[in-house]
Amino acid sequence: MKRLHTRTKHSAQGSNPVPEASGASQLVHSGASTGQPKPVVETPVLGLIQLWPDPDLESASHIQTEVDLVAIHGLGGHAYKTWREGEKLWLRDFLPHDVPTARVLTFGYNAGVAFTQSKSNIRDFATSLLEGIRTFRRRNKEADRKMIFVCHSLGGIVFKQALVIAHEKETRYGSIKEAVAGVIFLGTPHRGAISHTGPSY
């Protein structure tokens, strides 16, 4: 797995380094399937992850995409497991065939602690999302590239909070706000609680 950051920690098995949690989102690459699908990582993953085109493939730079599709999991979810069935990861193994012009990314955050402290957690996750997108787009010189978000449960609240922050901090995140072309909410509680364990938003 190609790493763009050096700060890593290892899983309990001592293999596959994963990004160390921090205030800002870290970018990790996880390849798309070519032939035999790659195993889906079980270790919690934080930050923005490119699934397709696979950055590890030499041919990736020749694959033309026109829009970014960013998936945000929900409460208790996972950057990979939320979007998979068995070893098949929908975002990586099927979506590129249906939407070949989309570059597919997934955003991971520590959703298990979303309601254990305060609303500030949601704002932290949203800021991490914005920073991850900003870094990714600046690196690829694509500030005007359109984005579509797919948000499950709490992920929709994180997305909406990100829009609020982008409006508040127009100078830093304004281009991200303007690039949002659409959003799909899947089970996002717009007027109610995520679950009985957490407050309403």
N, C-alpha and C. Protein backbone atom coordinates (compact mmCIF):
# COMPACT_ATOMS: atom_id res chain seq x y z
N MET A 1 0.84 -1.18 0.00
CA MET A 1 0.00 0.00 0.00
C MET A 1 0.88 1.24 0.00
N LYS A 2 0.68 2.10 -0.91
CA LYS A 2 1.53 3.28 -1.08
C LYS A 2 1.24 4.28 0.03
N ARG A 3 2.26 4.79 0.69
CA ARG A 3 2.10 5.71 1.79
C ARG A 3 2.58 7.11 1.41
N LEU A 4 1.79 8.11 1.78
CA LEU A 4 2.20 9.47 1.54
C LEU A 4 2.58 10.16 2.84
N HIS A 5 2.48 9.44 3.95
CA HIS A 5 2.87 9.99 5.23
C HIS A 5 3.76 9.00 5.95
N THR A 6 4.68 9.52 6.75
CA THR A 6 5.62 8.65 7.43
C THR A 6 5.18 8.31 8.84
N ARG A 7 4.23 9.09 9.41
CA ARG A 7 3.77 8.80 10.76
C ARG A 7 2.78 7.66 10.72
N THR A 8 3.21 6.49 11.12
CA THR A 8 2.33 5.33 11.09
C THR A 8 2.47 4.55 12.38
N LYS A 9 1.47 3.72 12.63
CA LYS A 9 1.57 2.78 13.72
C LYS A 9 1.20 1.42 13.16
N HIS A 10 1.55 0.34 13.84
CA HIS A 10 1.30 -0.99 13.33
C HIS A 10 0.12 -1.63 14.03
N SER A 11 -0.52 -2.53 13.31
CA SER A 11 -1.63 -3.26 13.88
C SER A 11 -1.13 -4.24 14.91
N ALA A 12 -2.08 -4.87 15.62
CA ALA A 12 -1.71 -5.80 16.68
C ALA A 12 -0.90 -6.96 16.15
N GLN A 13 -1.09 -7.31 14.89
CA GLN A 13 -0.36 -8.42 14.31
C GLN A 13 1.03 -7.99 13.85
N GLY A 14 1.33 -6.69 13.94
CA GLY A 14 2.64 -6.21 13.54
C GLY A 14 2.80 -6.08 12.05
N SER A 15 1.71 -6.09 11.30
CA SER A 15 1.79 -5.96 9.85
C SER A 15 1.06 -4.71 9.42
N ASN A 16 0.94 -4.52 8.10
CA ASN A 16 0.20 -3.43 7.50
C ASN A 16 0.10 -2.17 8.37
N PRO A 17 1.01 -1.23 8.20
CA PRO A 17 0.92 0.01 8.97
C PRO A 17 -0.33 0.78 8.59
N VAL A 18 -0.92 1.46 9.57
CA VAL A 18 -2.10 2.26 9.32
C VAL A 18 -1.81 3.67 9.77
N PRO A 19 -2.52 4.67 9.21
CA PRO A 19 -2.22 6.05 9.57
C PRO A 19 -2.48 6.33 11.03
N GLU A 20 -1.59 7.07 11.65
CA GLU A 20 -1.77 7.46 13.04
C GLU A 20 -2.75 8.60 13.10
N ALA A 21 -3.70 8.53 14.04
CA ALA A 21 -4.73 9.54 14.14
C ALA A 21 -4.13 10.89 14.47
N SER A 22 -4.67 11.94 13.87
CA SER A 22 -4.21 13.29 14.14
C SER A 22 -5.36 14.24 13.90
N GLY A 23 -5.13 15.51 14.13
CA GLY A 23 -6.19 16.49 13.95
C GLY A 23 -6.58 16.66 12.50
N ALA A 24 -5.63 16.50 11.60
CA ALA A 24 -5.92 16.65 10.18
C ALA A 24 -5.99 15.29 9.51
N SER A 25 -6.78 15.23 8.47
CA SER A 25 -6.93 13.97 7.76
C SER A 25 -5.63 13.60 7.06
N GLN A 26 -5.32 12.30 7.07
CA GLN A 26 -4.15 11.81 6.38
C GLN A 26 -4.59 11.01 5.16
N LEU A 27 -3.84 11.12 4.09
CA LEU A 27 -4.19 10.46 2.84
C LEU A 27 -3.50 9.13 2.74
N VAL A 28 -4.29 8.08 2.47
CA VAL A 28 -3.78 6.74 2.32
C VAL A 28 -4.31 6.21 1.00
N HIS A 29 -3.56 5.35 0.35
CA HIS A 29 -4.02 4.75 -0.90
C HIS A 29 -4.35 3.28 -0.67
N SER A 30 -5.45 2.83 -1.24
CA SER A 30 -5.80 1.42 -1.22
C SER A 30 -6.26 1.05 -2.61
N GLY A 31 -5.61 0.08 -3.22
CA GLY A 31 -5.81 -0.19 -4.63
C GLY A 31 -7.14 -0.81 -4.99
N ALA A 32 -7.56 -0.55 -6.21
CA ALA A 32 -8.75 -1.18 -6.76
C ALA A 32 -8.40 -2.58 -7.22
N SER A 33 -9.43 -3.38 -7.42
CA SER A 33 -9.18 -4.77 -7.80
C SER A 33 -8.81 -4.87 -9.26
N THR A 34 -7.83 -5.68 -9.55
CA THR A 34 -7.45 -5.99 -10.92
C THR A 34 -7.21 -7.48 -10.97
N GLY A 35 -8.12 -8.21 -11.59
CA GLY A 35 -8.02 -9.67 -11.54
C GLY A 35 -8.58 -10.13 -10.21
N GLN A 36 -7.71 -10.62 -9.34
CA GLN A 36 -8.13 -11.04 -8.01
C GLN A 36 -8.26 -9.82 -7.10
N PRO A 37 -9.40 -9.66 -6.41
CA PRO A 37 -9.56 -8.50 -5.54
C PRO A 37 -8.60 -8.54 -4.37
N LYS A 38 -8.11 -7.37 -3.98
CA LYS A 38 -7.23 -7.28 -2.83
C LYS A 38 -8.05 -7.49 -1.56
N PRO A 39 -7.45 -8.08 -0.52
CA PRO A 39 -8.18 -8.27 0.73
C PRO A 39 -8.63 -6.93 1.30
N VAL A 40 -9.81 -6.92 1.91
CA VAL A 40 -10.32 -5.71 2.52
C VAL A 40 -9.68 -5.55 3.88
N VAL A 41 -9.08 -4.40 4.14
CA VAL A 41 -8.37 -4.16 5.38
C VAL A 41 -9.35 -4.07 6.55
N GLU A 42 -9.08 -4.81 7.65
CA GLU A 42 -9.94 -4.80 8.81
C GLU A 42 -9.55 -3.72 9.81
N THR A 43 -8.28 -3.33 9.82
CA THR A 43 -7.80 -2.35 10.77
C THR A 43 -8.51 -1.01 10.56
N PRO A 44 -8.92 -0.33 11.63
CA PRO A 44 -9.54 0.99 11.47
C PRO A 44 -8.66 1.92 10.65
N VAL A 45 -9.26 2.61 9.72
CA VAL A 45 -8.53 3.49 8.82
C VAL A 45 -9.08 4.91 8.97
N LEU A 46 -8.19 5.86 9.16
CA LEU A 46 -8.59 7.26 9.31
C LEU A 46 -8.07 8.08 8.14
N GLY A 47 -8.89 8.99 7.67
CA GLY A 47 -8.44 9.88 6.61
C GLY A 47 -9.09 9.60 5.27
N LEU A 48 -8.58 10.25 4.26
CA LEU A 48 -9.10 10.14 2.90
C LEU A 48 -8.31 9.09 2.14
N ILE A 49 -9.02 8.16 1.53
CA ILE A 49 -8.39 7.01 0.88
C ILE A 49 -8.86 6.93 -0.57
N GLN A 50 -7.93 6.86 -1.50
CA GLN A 50 -8.28 6.69 -2.91
C GLN A 50 -8.38 5.21 -3.23
N LEU A 51 -9.55 4.80 -3.72
CA LEU A 51 -9.78 3.41 -4.07
C LEU A 51 -9.63 3.16 -5.57
N TRP A 52 -10.04 4.14 -6.36
CA TRP A 52 -10.00 4.00 -7.82
C TRP A 52 -9.79 5.37 -8.47
N PRO A 53 -8.91 5.43 -9.48
CA PRO A 53 -7.99 4.40 -9.97
C PRO A 53 -6.95 4.02 -8.91
N ASP A 54 -6.48 2.80 -8.98
CA ASP A 54 -5.50 2.31 -8.02
C ASP A 54 -4.19 3.08 -8.20
N PRO A 55 -3.78 3.87 -7.21
CA PRO A 55 -2.54 4.66 -7.35
C PRO A 55 -1.29 3.81 -7.49
N ASP A 56 -1.38 2.53 -7.10
CA ASP A 56 -0.22 1.65 -7.17
C ASP A 56 0.01 1.09 -8.57
N LEU A 57 -0.96 1.27 -9.46
CA LEU A 57 -0.83 0.76 -10.81
C LEU A 57 -0.16 1.79 -11.71
N GLU A 58 0.75 1.33 -12.55
CA GLU A 58 1.42 2.24 -13.48
C GLU A 58 0.43 2.87 -14.45
N SER A 59 -0.64 2.16 -14.73
CA SER A 59 -1.62 2.65 -15.70
C SER A 59 -2.59 3.67 -15.10
N ALA A 60 -2.51 3.89 -13.78
CA ALA A 60 -3.47 4.78 -13.11
C ALA A 60 -3.46 6.18 -13.70
N SER A 61 -2.28 6.68 -14.04
CA SER A 61 -2.17 8.04 -14.56
C SER A 61 -2.80 8.19 -15.94
N HIS A 62 -3.06 7.08 -16.60
CA HIS A 62 -3.65 7.13 -17.94
C HIS A 62 -5.17 6.96 -17.91
N ILE A 63 -5.72 6.70 -16.73
CA ILE A 63 -7.16 6.54 -16.60
C ILE A 63 -7.78 7.92 -16.38
N GLN A 64 -8.63 8.34 -17.29
CA GLN A 64 -9.22 9.67 -17.23
C GLN A 64 -10.50 9.66 -16.41
N THR A 65 -10.56 10.49 -15.38
CA THR A 65 -11.77 10.65 -14.58
C THR A 65 -12.15 12.12 -14.55
N GLU A 66 -13.42 12.38 -14.33
CA GLU A 66 -13.92 13.74 -14.43
C GLU A 66 -14.51 14.28 -13.13
N VAL A 67 -14.84 13.40 -12.20
CA VAL A 67 -15.50 13.81 -10.97
C VAL A 67 -14.99 12.96 -9.82
N ASP A 68 -14.99 13.52 -8.61
CA ASP A 68 -14.63 12.76 -7.42
C ASP A 68 -15.88 12.31 -6.70
N LEU A 69 -15.94 11.02 -6.36
CA LEU A 69 -17.04 10.49 -5.56
C LEU A 69 -16.46 10.12 -4.20
N VAL A 70 -16.94 10.78 -3.15
CA VAL A 70 -16.41 10.59 -1.81
C VAL A 70 -17.46 9.94 -0.92
N ALA A 71 -17.15 8.78 -0.36
CA ALA A 71 -18.06 8.06 0.53
C ALA A 71 -17.69 8.32 1.98
N ILE A 72 -18.70 8.58 2.83
CA ILE A 72 -18.49 8.84 4.25
C ILE A 72 -19.36 7.87 5.05
N HIS A 73 -18.74 7.00 5.83
CA HIS A 73 -19.49 6.00 6.58
C HIS A 73 -20.19 6.62 7.79
N GLY A 74 -21.01 5.81 8.45
CA GLY A 74 -21.80 6.31 9.57
C GLY A 74 -21.31 5.88 10.93
N LEU A 75 -22.18 6.03 11.92
CA LEU A 75 -21.86 5.72 13.31
C LEU A 75 -21.46 4.25 13.46
N GLY A 76 -20.29 4.01 14.04
CA GLY A 76 -19.82 2.65 14.21
C GLY A 76 -19.35 2.01 12.92
N GLY A 77 -19.26 2.79 11.85
CA GLY A 77 -18.88 2.25 10.55
C GLY A 77 -17.39 2.23 10.34
N HIS A 78 -17.01 1.96 9.09
CA HIS A 78 -15.60 1.77 8.74
C HIS A 78 -15.42 2.21 7.29
N ALA A 79 -14.27 2.77 6.98
CA ALA A 79 -14.01 3.28 5.63
C ALA A 79 -14.16 2.21 4.57
N TYR A 80 -13.94 0.93 4.94
CA TYR A 80 -14.09 -0.18 3.99
C TYR A 80 -15.33 -1.02 4.28
N LYS A 81 -15.45 -1.50 5.52
CA LYS A 81 -16.47 -2.50 5.84
C LYS A 81 -17.89 -2.02 5.63
N THR A 82 -18.13 -0.73 5.80
CA THR A 82 -19.47 -0.19 5.59
C THR A 82 -19.95 -0.43 4.16
N TRP A 83 -19.02 -0.48 3.22
CA TRP A 83 -19.36 -0.54 1.80
C TRP A 83 -19.07 -1.89 1.16
N ARG A 84 -19.01 -2.94 1.94
CA ARG A 84 -18.62 -4.23 1.39
C ARG A 84 -19.61 -5.34 1.73
N GLU A 85 -19.52 -6.40 0.97
CA GLU A 85 -20.23 -7.66 1.24
C GLU A 85 -19.21 -8.76 1.05
N GLY A 86 -18.85 -9.45 2.12
CA GLY A 86 -17.77 -10.43 2.04
C GLY A 86 -16.46 -9.74 1.72
N GLU A 87 -15.78 -10.21 0.69
CA GLU A 87 -14.52 -9.59 0.28
C GLU A 87 -14.71 -8.60 -0.87
N LYS A 88 -15.96 -8.38 -1.26
CA LYS A 88 -16.24 -7.45 -2.35
C LYS A 88 -16.56 -6.07 -1.78
N LEU A 89 -15.77 -5.10 -2.20
CA LEU A 89 -15.97 -3.72 -1.77
C LEU A 89 -16.66 -2.97 -2.90
N TRP A 90 -17.91 -2.60 -2.67
CA TRP A 90 -18.73 -1.98 -3.71
C TRP A 90 -18.04 -0.77 -4.34
N LEU A 91 -17.48 0.09 -3.52
CA LEU A 91 -16.85 1.30 -4.03
C LEU A 91 -15.68 1.01 -4.96
N ARG A 92 -14.99 -0.08 -4.69
CA ARG A 92 -13.77 -0.41 -5.42
C ARG A 92 -14.00 -1.41 -6.55
N ASP A 93 -14.85 -2.40 -6.30
CA ASP A 93 -14.97 -3.53 -7.22
C ASP A 93 -16.13 -3.41 -8.20
N PHE A 94 -17.12 -2.57 -7.92
CA PHE A 94 -18.28 -2.48 -8.79
C PHE A 94 -18.55 -1.06 -9.31
N LEU A 95 -18.45 -0.08 -8.44
CA LEU A 95 -18.79 1.29 -8.83
C LEU A 95 -17.99 1.81 -10.02
N PRO A 96 -16.68 1.54 -10.12
CA PRO A 96 -15.93 2.03 -11.28
C PRO A 96 -16.44 1.50 -12.61
N HIS A 97 -17.07 0.32 -12.59
CA HIS A 97 -17.63 -0.23 -13.83
C HIS A 97 -18.91 0.50 -14.23
N ASP A 98 -19.67 0.95 -13.21
CA ASP A 98 -20.92 1.65 -13.48
C ASP A 98 -20.70 3.13 -13.75
N VAL A 99 -19.69 3.71 -13.09
CA VAL A 99 -19.39 5.13 -13.26
C VAL A 99 -17.90 5.26 -13.57
N PRO A 100 -17.49 4.94 -14.78
CA PRO A 100 -16.06 4.90 -15.12
C PRO A 100 -15.38 6.27 -15.10
N THR A 101 -16.15 7.34 -15.12
CA THR A 101 -15.54 8.68 -15.12
C THR A 101 -15.31 9.22 -13.71
N ALA A 102 -15.62 8.41 -12.69
CA ALA A 102 -15.48 8.87 -11.31
C ALA A 102 -14.20 8.35 -10.67
N ARG A 103 -13.51 9.23 -10.00
CA ARG A 103 -12.42 8.81 -9.12
C ARG A 103 -13.07 8.57 -7.75
N VAL A 104 -12.86 7.39 -7.20
CA VAL A 104 -13.59 6.97 -6.00
C VAL A 104 -12.70 7.06 -4.77
N LEU A 105 -13.20 7.74 -3.75
CA LEU A 105 -12.49 7.88 -2.48
C LEU A 105 -13.43 7.54 -1.33
N THR A 106 -12.86 7.14 -0.21
CA THR A 106 -13.64 6.90 1.00
C THR A 106 -12.96 7.61 2.16
N PHE A 107 -13.77 8.11 3.08
CA PHE A 107 -13.24 8.86 4.22
C PHE A 107 -13.50 8.09 5.51
N GLY A 108 -12.45 7.85 6.28
CA GLY A 108 -12.57 7.14 7.54
C GLY A 108 -12.34 8.05 8.73
N TYR A 109 -13.15 7.86 9.77
CA TYR A 109 -12.99 8.63 11.00
C TYR A 109 -13.43 7.74 12.17
N ASN A 110 -13.10 8.15 13.38
CA ASN A 110 -13.38 7.31 14.55
C ASN A 110 -14.82 7.49 14.99
N ALA A 111 -15.74 6.89 14.24
CA ALA A 111 -17.16 7.06 14.49
C ALA A 111 -17.61 6.42 15.79
N GLY A 112 -16.81 5.52 16.34
CA GLY A 112 -17.18 4.86 17.59
C GLY A 112 -17.22 5.79 18.78
N VAL A 113 -16.52 6.93 18.69
CA VAL A 113 -16.50 7.87 19.81
C VAL A 113 -17.26 9.14 19.47
N ALA A 114 -18.08 9.08 18.46
CA ALA A 114 -18.74 10.28 17.97
C ALA A 114 -19.57 10.98 19.04
N PHE A 115 -20.23 10.20 19.90
CA PHE A 115 -21.12 10.81 20.89
C PHE A 115 -20.66 10.59 22.32
N THR A 116 -19.42 10.19 22.51
CA THR A 116 -18.96 9.91 23.86
C THR A 116 -18.47 11.15 24.58
N GLN A 117 -18.24 12.25 23.85
CA GLN A 117 -17.73 13.45 24.49
C GLN A 117 -18.64 14.66 24.23
N SER A 118 -18.63 15.20 23.03
CA SER A 118 -19.42 16.40 22.76
C SER A 118 -19.61 16.57 21.26
N LYS A 119 -20.38 17.60 20.91
CA LYS A 119 -20.60 17.91 19.50
C LYS A 119 -19.31 18.30 18.79
N SER A 120 -18.30 18.67 19.58
CA SER A 120 -17.04 19.07 18.97
C SER A 120 -16.43 17.94 18.15
N ASN A 121 -16.77 16.68 18.49
CA ASN A 121 -16.27 15.55 17.72
C ASN A 121 -16.70 15.65 16.26
N ILE A 122 -17.98 15.98 16.03
CA ILE A 122 -18.50 16.10 14.67
C ILE A 122 -17.73 17.18 13.92
N ARG A 123 -17.50 18.28 14.57
CA ARG A 123 -16.76 19.37 13.93
C ARG A 123 -15.33 18.95 13.62
N ASP A 124 -14.71 18.19 14.52
CA ASP A 124 -13.35 17.70 14.28
C ASP A 124 -13.32 16.78 13.06
N PHE A 125 -14.31 15.87 12.97
CA PHE A 125 -14.37 14.96 11.83
C PHE A 125 -14.56 15.74 10.53
N ALA A 126 -15.44 16.74 10.57
CA ALA A 126 -15.72 17.55 9.38
C ALA A 126 -14.48 18.33 8.95
N THR A 127 -13.76 18.87 9.92
CA THR A 127 -12.53 19.59 9.59
C THR A 127 -11.49 18.66 8.99
N SER A 128 -11.41 17.45 9.55
CA SER A 128 -10.48 16.45 9.01
C SER A 128 -10.83 16.11 7.57
N LEU A 129 -12.12 15.99 7.28
CA LEU A 129 -12.57 15.72 5.91
C LEU A 129 -12.15 16.86 4.98
N LEU A 130 -12.40 18.08 5.38
CA LEU A 130 -12.05 19.23 4.55
C LEU A 130 -10.55 19.32 4.31
N GLU A 131 -9.77 19.09 5.36
CA GLU A 131 -8.32 19.16 5.21
C GLU A 131 -7.81 18.06 4.28
N GLY A 132 -8.39 16.87 4.41
CA GLY A 132 -7.99 15.78 3.53
C GLY A 132 -8.28 16.08 2.07
N ILE A 133 -9.47 16.62 1.81
CA ILE A 133 -9.85 16.97 0.44
C ILE A 133 -8.96 18.11 -0.08
N ARG A 134 -8.75 19.10 0.76
CA ARG A 134 -7.93 20.25 0.35
C ARG A 134 -6.52 19.82 -0.02
N THR A 135 -5.91 18.98 0.81
CA THR A 135 -4.56 18.50 0.53
C THR A 135 -4.52 17.68 -0.75
N PHE A 136 -5.49 16.80 -0.90
CA PHE A 136 -5.54 15.92 -2.06
C PHE A 136 -5.70 16.72 -3.35
N ARG A 137 -6.58 17.70 -3.34
CA ARG A 137 -6.85 18.47 -4.54
C ARG A 137 -5.71 19.42 -4.88
N ARG A 138 -5.05 19.96 -3.86
CA ARG A 138 -3.90 20.83 -4.13
C ARG A 138 -2.75 20.03 -4.72
N ARG A 139 -2.56 18.81 -4.20
CA ARG A 139 -1.48 17.97 -4.70
C ARG A 139 -1.71 17.63 -6.17
N ASN A 140 -2.95 17.44 -6.55
CA ASN A 140 -3.27 17.07 -7.92
C ASN A 140 -3.68 18.26 -8.79
N LYS A 141 -3.60 19.46 -8.22
CA LYS A 141 -3.92 20.69 -8.95
C LYS A 141 -5.32 20.62 -9.57
N GLU A 142 -6.30 20.27 -8.73
CA GLU A 142 -7.66 20.07 -9.22
C GLU A 142 -8.67 20.81 -8.34
N ALA A 143 -8.43 22.06 -8.08
CA ALA A 143 -9.28 22.83 -7.17
C ALA A 143 -10.71 22.96 -7.66
N ASP A 144 -10.94 22.88 -8.96
CA ASP A 144 -12.27 23.09 -9.51
C ASP A 144 -12.99 21.79 -9.86
N ARG A 145 -12.41 20.67 -9.58
CA ARG A 145 -13.00 19.38 -9.93
C ARG A 145 -14.27 19.15 -9.10
N LYS A 146 -15.35 18.75 -9.76
CA LYS A 146 -16.62 18.54 -9.09
C LYS A 146 -16.57 17.29 -8.20
N MET A 147 -17.39 17.33 -7.13
CA MET A 147 -17.45 16.22 -6.18
C MET A 147 -18.89 15.82 -5.89
N ILE A 148 -19.09 14.52 -5.73
CA ILE A 148 -20.37 13.97 -5.30
C ILE A 148 -20.11 13.15 -4.04
N PHE A 149 -20.92 13.34 -3.02
CA PHE A 149 -20.73 12.64 -1.75
C PHE A 149 -21.82 11.59 -1.55
N VAL A 150 -21.43 10.44 -1.01
CA VAL A 150 -22.35 9.39 -0.61
C VAL A 150 -22.19 9.22 0.89
N CYS A 151 -23.22 9.56 1.66
CA CYS A 151 -23.10 9.63 3.11
C CYS A 151 -24.08 8.68 3.79
N HIS A 152 -23.56 7.84 4.67
CA HIS A 152 -24.40 6.91 5.42
C HIS A 152 -24.53 7.38 6.87
N SER A 153 -25.77 7.49 7.35
CA SER A 153 -26.03 7.76 8.76
C SER A 153 -25.29 9.01 9.24
N LEU A 154 -24.47 8.87 10.26
CA LEU A 154 -23.71 9.98 10.81
C LEU A 154 -22.83 10.67 9.77
N GLY A 155 -22.44 9.93 8.73
CA GLY A 155 -21.62 10.53 7.68
C GLY A 155 -22.29 11.73 7.04
N GLY A 156 -23.63 11.71 6.97
CA GLY A 156 -24.35 12.84 6.42
C GLY A 156 -24.24 14.07 7.30
N ILE A 157 -24.23 13.86 8.62
CA ILE A 157 -24.08 14.98 9.54
C ILE A 157 -22.67 15.55 9.46
N VAL A 158 -21.68 14.67 9.32
CA VAL A 158 -20.30 15.12 9.14
C VAL A 158 -20.19 15.96 7.87
N PHE A 159 -20.82 15.50 6.80
CA PHE A 159 -20.79 16.24 5.53
C PHE A 159 -21.43 17.62 5.68
N LYS A 160 -22.60 17.67 6.32
CA LYS A 160 -23.29 18.96 6.48
C LYS A 160 -22.48 19.92 7.35
N GLN A 161 -21.85 19.37 8.38
CA GLN A 161 -21.00 20.22 9.22
C GLN A 161 -19.81 20.74 8.42
N ALA A 162 -19.30 19.91 7.51
CA ALA A 162 -18.19 20.34 6.66
C ALA A 162 -18.61 21.52 5.78
N LEU A 163 -19.85 21.50 5.29
CA LEU A 163 -20.34 22.62 4.49
C LEU A 163 -20.44 23.90 5.32
N VAL A 164 -20.86 23.75 6.58
CA VAL A 164 -20.95 24.90 7.47
C VAL A 164 -19.56 25.51 7.68
N ILE A 165 -18.58 24.65 7.95
CA ILE A 165 -17.22 25.13 8.17
C ILE A 165 -16.66 25.77 6.90
N ALA A 166 -16.95 25.16 5.75
CA ALA A 166 -16.46 25.71 4.48
C ALA A 166 -17.04 27.09 4.23
N HIS A 167 -18.28 27.31 4.68
CA HIS A 167 -18.89 28.63 4.55
C HIS A 167 -18.25 29.62 5.52
N GLU A 168 -17.96 29.16 6.73
CA GLU A 168 -17.34 30.02 7.74
C GLU A 168 -15.91 30.41 7.36
N LYS A 169 -15.22 29.46 6.74
CA LYS A 169 -13.81 29.68 6.39
C LYS A 169 -13.66 29.66 4.87
N GLU A 170 -14.30 30.63 4.26
CA GLU A 170 -14.39 30.71 2.80
C GLU A 170 -13.01 30.75 2.15
N THR A 171 -12.09 31.48 2.76
CA THR A 171 -10.77 31.63 2.15
C THR A 171 -10.06 30.29 2.04
N ARG A 172 -10.19 29.45 3.06
CA ARG A 172 -9.48 28.17 3.07
C ARG A 172 -10.24 27.07 2.34
N TYR A 173 -11.56 27.02 2.52
CA TYR A 173 -12.33 25.89 2.00
C TYR A 173 -13.38 26.27 0.95
N GLY A 174 -13.40 27.53 0.53
CA GLY A 174 -14.43 27.97 -0.39
C GLY A 174 -14.49 27.18 -1.68
N SER A 175 -13.34 26.80 -2.21
CA SER A 175 -13.32 26.05 -3.48
C SER A 175 -13.93 24.67 -3.32
N ILE A 176 -13.82 24.10 -2.13
CA ILE A 176 -14.43 22.79 -1.87
C ILE A 176 -15.94 22.92 -1.86
N LYS A 177 -16.44 23.93 -1.18
CA LYS A 177 -17.89 24.15 -1.14
C LYS A 177 -18.46 24.34 -2.54
N GLU A 178 -17.78 25.13 -3.35
CA GLU A 178 -18.25 25.40 -4.71
C GLU A 178 -18.17 24.17 -5.60
N ALA A 179 -17.32 23.23 -5.25
CA ALA A 179 -17.12 22.04 -6.09
C ALA A 179 -18.15 20.95 -5.83
N VAL A 180 -18.94 21.08 -4.76
CA VAL A 180 -19.94 20.06 -4.44
C VAL A 180 -21.06 20.09 -5.47
N ALA A 181 -21.18 19.01 -6.23
CA ALA A 181 -22.19 18.93 -7.28
C ALA A 181 -23.42 18.16 -6.84
N GLY A 182 -23.29 17.34 -5.80
CA GLY A 182 -24.42 16.56 -5.34
C GLY A 182 -24.08 15.74 -4.12
N VAL A 183 -25.11 15.25 -3.45
CA VAL A 183 -24.92 14.40 -2.27
C VAL A 183 -26.05 13.40 -2.19
N ILE A 184 -25.71 12.18 -1.79
CA ILE A 184 -26.70 11.12 -1.56
C ILE A 184 -26.67 10.79 -0.08
N PHE A 185 -27.80 10.96 0.61
CA PHE A 185 -27.91 10.63 2.02
C PHE A 185 -28.56 9.26 2.17
N LEU A 186 -27.92 8.38 2.91
CA LEU A 186 -28.44 7.04 3.16
C LEU A 186 -28.69 6.88 4.66
N GLY A 187 -29.93 7.03 5.07
CA GLY A 187 -30.27 6.86 6.48
C GLY A 187 -29.73 7.94 7.38
N THR A 188 -29.53 9.13 6.87
CA THR A 188 -29.05 10.24 7.70
C THR A 188 -30.23 10.86 8.45
N PRO A 189 -30.14 10.97 9.78
CA PRO A 189 -31.24 11.52 10.58
C PRO A 189 -31.24 13.04 10.57
N HIS A 190 -31.86 13.64 9.57
CA HIS A 190 -31.82 15.10 9.44
C HIS A 190 -32.56 15.81 10.57
N ARG A 191 -33.55 15.14 11.17
CA ARG A 191 -34.32 15.79 12.24
C ARG A 191 -34.41 14.94 13.50
N GLY A 192 -33.60 13.93 13.59
CA GLY A 192 -33.69 13.07 14.76
C GLY A 192 -32.35 12.58 15.20
N ALA A 193 -32.35 11.66 16.17
CA ALA A 193 -31.10 11.13 16.73
C ALA A 193 -30.57 10.01 15.87
N ILE A 194 -29.25 9.84 15.89
CA ILE A 194 -28.61 8.71 15.23
C ILE A 194 -29.08 7.42 15.87
N SER A 195 -29.11 7.38 17.19
CA SER A 195 -29.57 6.21 17.93
C SER A 195 -29.94 6.67 19.33
N HIS A 196 -30.44 5.74 20.14
CA HIS A 196 -30.84 6.09 21.50
C HIS A 196 -29.64 6.43 22.37
N THR A 197 -28.43 6.14 21.90
CA THR A 197 -27.23 6.38 22.70
C THR A 197 -26.68 7.79 22.52
N GLY A 198 -27.23 8.54 21.58
CA GLY A 198 -26.65 9.85 21.29
C GLY A 198 -27.70 10.92 21.19
N PRO A 199 -27.31 12.18 21.25
CA PRO A 199 -28.24 13.31 21.17
C PRO A 199 -28.71 13.54 19.75
N SER A 200 -29.73 14.35 19.60
CA SER A 200 -30.26 14.71 18.29
C SER A 200 -29.49 15.90 17.75
N TYR A 201 -29.45 15.98 16.40
CA TYR A 201 -28.78 17.09 15.74
C TYR A 201 -29.71 17.66 14.69
